[in-house]
Amino acid sequence: MNPALNIAIMAARKAGGVMLRYIDRISTLTVANKSRNDYVSEVDRLAEEEIIRVIRKAYPEHGILAEESGLRNGNDYQWIIDPLDGTTNYLHGFPQFAVSIALSNRGKIEQGCIYDPLREELFTASRGSGAFLNDRRIRVSSAKSLEGTLLGTGFPFKQQQHLDAYLEMFKVLHRESAGIRRAGSAALDLAYVAAARLDGFWEIGLNPWDMAAGTLLIQEAGGMVSDFRGGDTYHQSGNIVGGNPKVFQAMLQAIAPCLTPEL
């Protein structure tokens, strides 16, 4: 296994330990509102501190982009960290949240790790080496079209101006698929696409730390990711579609009439 991926796994497990330590005393946590419907807790910050401590010890010269503490400049390598993806779920005791850690080199994601501490599920990928769930190689689903598929999504709760366009996408994909799930952790949704638990996923306005590891997982599992127009600006725009190749193409085609100029 790549040494940097080993460090990511070690850091993710440390962060997961922080989450589990506080899971039975959530009501005692200090919670702040970063913006409307966007929360940060003591656990987010403590988990991020653990991750950064592990990474800094191994790679002090690397840069870091972390959800809570922001950007720390370094060399060509940058760690992209979401210490607790699904904070609202965590604070409500809803069992769908994870740690997401990725490493990029000159802007290209090379390593990715998503860890679900409740289920002890570790999703990992190294560029060119495939994607894994714990020690088992995973592949995207074999669905040939949208018919019968299970899709994942997230509501654009931070970008209400896109709600009408999103609902149009939801309607068209709902008609063509077997079902749509909104579980509240984009990192896990992307990992589930890689593991064929979901056939496809789309969302508006994600942050880089929400999707850096998950996009690599999908690609290494044989799937495809893009922005809503089939381009590669998703890390900048936050607008993403992912799935196995056939479902991915079908989703892009289905949502095309719903797009506004801003999307």
Protein backbone atom coordinates (compact mmCIF):
# COMPACT_ATOMS: atom_id res chain seq x y z
CA MET A 1 0.00 0.00 0.00
CA ASN A 2 1.18 3.51 -0.75
CA PRO A 3 2.84 5.09 2.34
CA ALA A 4 0.76 8.26 2.03
CA LEU A 5 -2.43 6.20 1.91
CA ASN A 6 -1.33 4.42 5.07
CA ILE A 7 -1.00 7.81 6.77
CA ALA A 8 -4.47 8.80 5.53
CA ILE A 9 -5.92 5.59 6.96
CA MET A 10 -4.19 6.11 10.30
CA ALA A 11 -5.49 9.68 10.47
CA ALA A 12 -9.02 8.65 9.47
CA ARG A 13 -9.15 5.99 12.16
CA LYS A 14 -7.98 8.51 14.78
CA ALA A 15 -10.74 10.91 13.70
CA GLY A 16 -13.29 8.10 13.76
CA GLY A 17 -12.24 7.34 17.32
CA VAL A 18 -13.01 10.93 18.31
CA MET A 19 -16.51 10.62 16.81
CA LEU A 20 -17.25 7.40 18.66
CA ARG A 21 -15.93 8.82 21.93
CA TYR A 22 -18.58 11.55 21.91
CA ILE A 23 -21.44 9.71 20.19
CA ASP A 24 -23.27 8.99 23.47
CA ARG A 25 -22.98 12.55 24.80
CA ILE A 26 -23.87 14.65 21.80
CA SER A 27 -26.17 16.85 23.88
CA THR A 28 -23.14 18.14 25.82
CA LEU A 29 -21.27 19.33 22.72
CA THR A 30 -20.74 22.94 21.81
CA VAL A 31 -22.24 23.55 18.35
CA ALA A 32 -21.84 26.67 16.21
CA ASN A 33 -23.78 27.72 13.12
CA LYS A 34 -21.34 28.54 10.27
CA SER A 35 -24.21 29.55 8.01
CA ARG A 36 -27.86 28.63 7.55
CA ASN A 37 -28.23 24.86 8.08
CA ASP A 38 -24.43 24.43 8.21
CA TYR A 39 -23.11 23.40 11.61
CA VAL A 40 -19.75 22.73 13.21
CA SER A 41 -19.23 20.96 16.53
CA GLU A 42 -16.38 20.33 18.94
CA VAL A 43 -16.08 16.89 17.37
CA ASP A 44 -15.44 18.35 13.89
CA ARG A 45 -12.60 20.43 15.28
CA LEU A 46 -11.11 17.71 17.49
CA ALA A 47 -11.24 15.17 14.66
CA GLU A 48 -9.57 17.62 12.29
CA GLU A 49 -6.83 18.32 14.83
CA GLU A 50 -6.13 14.58 15.10
CA ILE A 51 -5.94 14.21 11.32
CA ILE A 52 -3.61 17.17 10.88
CA ARG A 53 -1.37 16.00 13.74
CA VAL A 54 -0.88 12.60 12.07
CA ILE A 55 -0.26 14.13 8.65
CA ARG A 56 2.09 16.84 9.92
CA LYS A 57 4.20 14.28 11.73
CA ALA A 58 4.71 12.27 8.53
CA TYR A 59 4.70 15.06 5.94
CA PRO A 60 5.47 18.45 7.52
CA GLU A 61 6.20 20.02 4.14
CA HIS A 62 2.81 19.19 2.58
CA GLY A 63 0.00 21.71 2.20
CA ILE A 64 -3.41 21.20 3.80
CA LEU A 65 -6.95 22.24 2.84
CA ALA A 66 -9.26 21.37 5.73
CA GLU A 67 -12.92 22.20 6.18
CA GLU A 68 -12.63 23.82 9.60
CA SER A 69 -9.12 25.33 9.69
CA GLY A 70 -8.82 26.27 6.03
CA LEU A 71 -5.72 26.44 3.84
CA ARG A 72 -2.13 25.88 4.94
CA ASN A 73 0.36 26.30 2.12
CA GLY A 74 3.06 23.76 1.42
CA ASN A 75 4.80 22.09 -1.50
CA ASP A 76 3.14 20.48 -4.55
CA TYR A 77 1.26 18.02 -2.32
CA GLN A 78 -1.97 19.02 -0.61
CA TRP A 79 -4.13 17.05 1.83
CA ILE A 80 -7.86 17.71 1.43
CA ILE A 81 -9.70 16.93 4.65
CA ASP A 82 -13.30 16.67 5.77
CA PRO A 83 -13.04 15.56 9.41
CA LEU A 84 -16.75 14.82 9.77
CA ASP A 85 -18.86 14.67 6.63
CA GLY A 86 -22.46 14.54 7.79
CA THR A 87 -22.25 16.77 10.87
CA THR A 88 -26.01 17.34 10.97
CA ASN A 89 -26.56 13.58 10.89
CA TYR A 90 -24.02 13.08 13.68
CA LEU A 91 -25.62 15.73 15.89
CA HIS A 92 -29.03 14.05 15.48
CA GLY A 93 -27.74 10.53 16.08
CA PHE A 94 -28.50 9.61 12.48
CA PRO A 95 -25.95 6.88 11.64
CA GLN A 96 -24.58 8.18 8.34
CA PHE A 97 -21.34 10.14 8.60
CA ALA A 98 -17.69 9.63 7.74
CA VAL A 99 -14.15 10.97 7.57
CA SER A 100 -12.85 11.91 4.11
CA ILE A 101 -9.15 12.44 3.38
CA ALA A 102 -7.49 12.86 0.00
CA LEU A 103 -4.00 13.74 -1.20
CA SER A 104 -3.43 15.72 -4.39
CA ASN A 105 -0.21 16.35 -6.29
CA ARG A 106 -0.26 19.54 -8.37
CA GLY A 107 -4.04 19.50 -8.31
CA LYS A 108 -4.49 15.83 -9.26
CA ILE A 109 -6.00 13.53 -6.64
CA GLU A 110 -3.61 10.62 -6.04
CA GLN A 111 -4.86 9.00 -2.81
CA GLY A 112 -8.28 8.80 -1.21
CA CYS A 113 -9.72 7.40 2.00
CA ILE A 114 -13.27 7.48 3.38
CA TYR A 115 -13.91 5.89 6.76
CA ASP A 116 -17.27 5.07 8.34
CA PRO A 117 -16.44 4.47 12.02
CA LEU A 118 -19.86 3.09 12.96
CA ARG A 119 -19.73 0.28 10.39
CA GLU A 120 -15.93 0.04 10.44
CA GLU A 121 -15.95 0.38 6.65
CA LEU A 122 -12.80 1.77 5.07
CA PHE A 123 -12.97 2.82 1.41
CA THR A 124 -9.56 3.46 -0.17
CA ALA A 125 -8.09 4.22 -3.58
CA SER A 126 -4.68 4.97 -5.07
CA ARG A 127 -4.52 6.33 -8.60
CA GLY A 128 -3.87 3.45 -10.98
CA SER A 129 -4.27 0.76 -8.32
CA GLY A 130 -8.03 0.29 -8.01
CA ALA A 131 -10.53 0.92 -5.23
CA PHE A 132 -11.15 -1.16 -2.12
CA LEU A 133 -13.63 -1.61 0.71
CA ASN A 134 -11.58 -2.89 3.63
CA ASP A 135 -9.49 -5.57 1.84
CA ARG A 136 -11.94 -6.29 -0.98
CA ARG A 137 -11.65 -4.73 -4.44
CA ILE A 138 -14.80 -2.88 -5.46
CA ARG A 139 -16.32 -1.98 -8.82
CA VAL A 140 -19.15 0.31 -9.86
CA SER A 141 -22.46 -1.31 -10.76
CA SER A 142 -23.22 -2.97 -14.07
CA ALA A 143 -26.51 -1.14 -14.73
CA LYS A 144 -27.01 -0.48 -18.44
CA SER A 145 -29.48 2.43 -18.21
CA LEU A 146 -31.37 4.51 -15.66
CA GLU A 147 -34.19 1.96 -15.53
CA GLY A 148 -34.11 0.13 -12.21
CA THR A 149 -31.25 2.18 -10.77
CA LEU A 150 -30.83 3.49 -7.25
CA LEU A 151 -29.41 7.02 -7.23
CA GLY A 152 -27.99 9.21 -4.49
CA THR A 153 -28.26 12.98 -4.16
CA GLY A 154 -27.99 15.91 -1.80
CA PHE A 155 -30.26 18.95 -1.60
CA PRO A 156 -28.65 22.34 -2.34
CA PHE A 157 -29.41 23.67 1.13
CA LYS A 158 -26.55 26.20 0.97
CA GLN A 159 -27.44 27.39 -2.54
CA GLN A 160 -31.18 27.99 -2.44
CA GLN A 161 -31.03 29.92 -5.72
CA HIS A 162 -30.56 26.60 -7.53
CA LEU A 163 -33.44 24.82 -5.81
CA ASP A 164 -35.87 25.06 -8.74
CA ALA A 165 -33.30 23.68 -11.21
CA TYR A 166 -32.42 20.92 -8.74
CA LEU A 167 -36.06 19.93 -8.31
CA GLU A 168 -36.42 19.67 -12.09
CA MET A 169 -33.42 17.31 -12.14
CA PHE A 170 -34.94 15.35 -9.27
CA LYS A 171 -38.24 14.96 -11.13
CA VAL A 172 -36.72 13.70 -14.36
CA LEU A 173 -34.34 11.28 -12.62
CA HIS A 174 -37.07 10.10 -10.27
CA ARG A 175 -39.24 9.19 -13.25
CA GLU A 176 -36.48 7.18 -14.91
CA SER A 177 -34.94 5.41 -11.89
CA ALA A 178 -36.19 2.96 -9.29
CA GLY A 179 -35.47 5.30 -6.41
CA ILE A 180 -33.43 8.21 -5.05
CA ARG A 181 -31.79 8.37 -1.63
CA ARG A 182 -30.67 11.49 0.26
CA ALA A 183 -28.66 10.19 3.22
CA GLY A 184 -26.76 13.36 4.16
CA SER A 185 -23.09 12.46 3.60
CA ALA A 186 -21.80 13.14 0.10
CA ALA A 187 -18.51 11.39 0.88
CA LEU A 188 -20.31 8.15 1.72
CA ASP A 189 -22.67 8.54 -1.24
CA LEU A 190 -19.68 8.72 -3.58
CA ALA A 191 -18.06 5.74 -1.87
CA TYR A 192 -21.33 3.83 -2.28
CA VAL A 193 -21.28 4.54 -6.02
CA ALA A 194 -17.77 3.07 -6.15
CA ALA A 195 -19.00 0.01 -4.24
CA ALA A 196 -22.12 -0.44 -6.46
CA ARG A 197 -24.50 0.28 -3.57
CA LEU A 198 -25.68 3.25 -5.62
CA ASP A 199 -25.67 3.35 -9.41
CA GLY A 200 -25.18 7.10 -9.65
CA PHE A 201 -25.04 10.35 -7.70
CA TRP A 202 -25.47 14.08 -8.34
CA GLU A 203 -25.36 17.22 -6.23
CA ILE A 204 -25.07 21.00 -6.54
CA GLY A 205 -22.49 23.09 -4.69
CA LEU A 206 -20.25 20.63 -2.89
CA ASN A 207 -16.91 21.70 -1.44
CA PRO A 208 -13.59 20.13 -2.50
CA TRP A 209 -13.27 18.26 0.81
CA ASP A 210 -16.72 16.71 0.35
CA MET A 211 -15.75 14.93 -2.87
CA ALA A 212 -11.97 14.74 -3.34
CA ALA A 213 -11.58 11.19 -2.02
CA GLY A 214 -14.94 10.01 -3.37
CA THR A 215 -14.27 11.04 -6.95
CA LEU A 216 -11.01 9.08 -7.00
CA LEU A 217 -12.82 6.05 -5.55
CA ILE A 218 -15.39 6.14 -8.35
CA GLN A 219 -12.76 6.52 -11.07
CA GLU A 220 -10.61 3.71 -9.67
CA ALA A 221 -13.71 1.51 -9.39
CA GLY A 222 -14.35 1.92 -13.12
CA GLY A 223 -16.83 4.80 -13.00
CA MET A 224 -16.91 8.34 -14.30
CA VAL A 225 -17.36 11.79 -12.75
CA SER A 226 -17.87 15.24 -14.25
CA ASP A 227 -19.64 18.54 -13.82
CA PHE A 228 -23.22 18.83 -15.10
CA ARG A 229 -22.06 19.50 -18.66
CA GLY A 230 -19.60 16.61 -18.88
CA GLY A 231 -16.54 18.75 -18.11
CA ASP A 232 -13.89 18.58 -15.41
CA THR A 233 -14.74 21.72 -13.42
CA TYR A 234 -16.55 19.88 -10.63
CA HIS A 235 -13.82 20.55 -8.05
CA GLN A 236 -14.26 24.28 -8.70
CA SER A 237 -18.03 24.49 -9.21
CA GLY A 238 -19.03 21.81 -6.73
CA ASN A 239 -21.60 20.52 -9.24
CA ILE A 240 -21.03 16.81 -9.75
CA VAL A 241 -22.43 13.76 -11.48
CA GLY A 242 -20.92 10.31 -10.96
CA GLY A 243 -21.77 6.75 -11.78
CA ASN A 244 -20.91 3.73 -13.82
CA PRO A 245 -20.18 4.78 -17.43
CA LYS A 246 -23.64 4.04 -18.85
CA VAL A 247 -25.61 5.50 -15.94
CA PHE A 248 -23.29 8.51 -15.86
CA GLN A 249 -24.00 9.28 -19.51
CA ALA A 250 -27.73 8.71 -19.05
CA MET A 251 -27.82 11.09 -16.07
CA LEU A 252 -26.01 13.83 -17.99
CA GLN A 253 -28.47 13.47 -20.86
CA ALA A 254 -31.48 13.46 -18.54
CA ILE A 255 -30.54 16.60 -16.60
CA ALA A 256 -29.31 18.65 -19.59
CA PRO A 257 -32.71 20.34 -20.21
CA CYS A 258 -32.86 21.37 -16.53
CA LEU A 259 -29.59 23.32 -16.45
CA THR A 260 -29.51 27.08 -16.00
CA PRO A 261 -26.61 29.22 -17.27
CA GLU A 262 -25.19 29.36 -13.71
CA LEU A 263 -24.94 25.56 -13.58
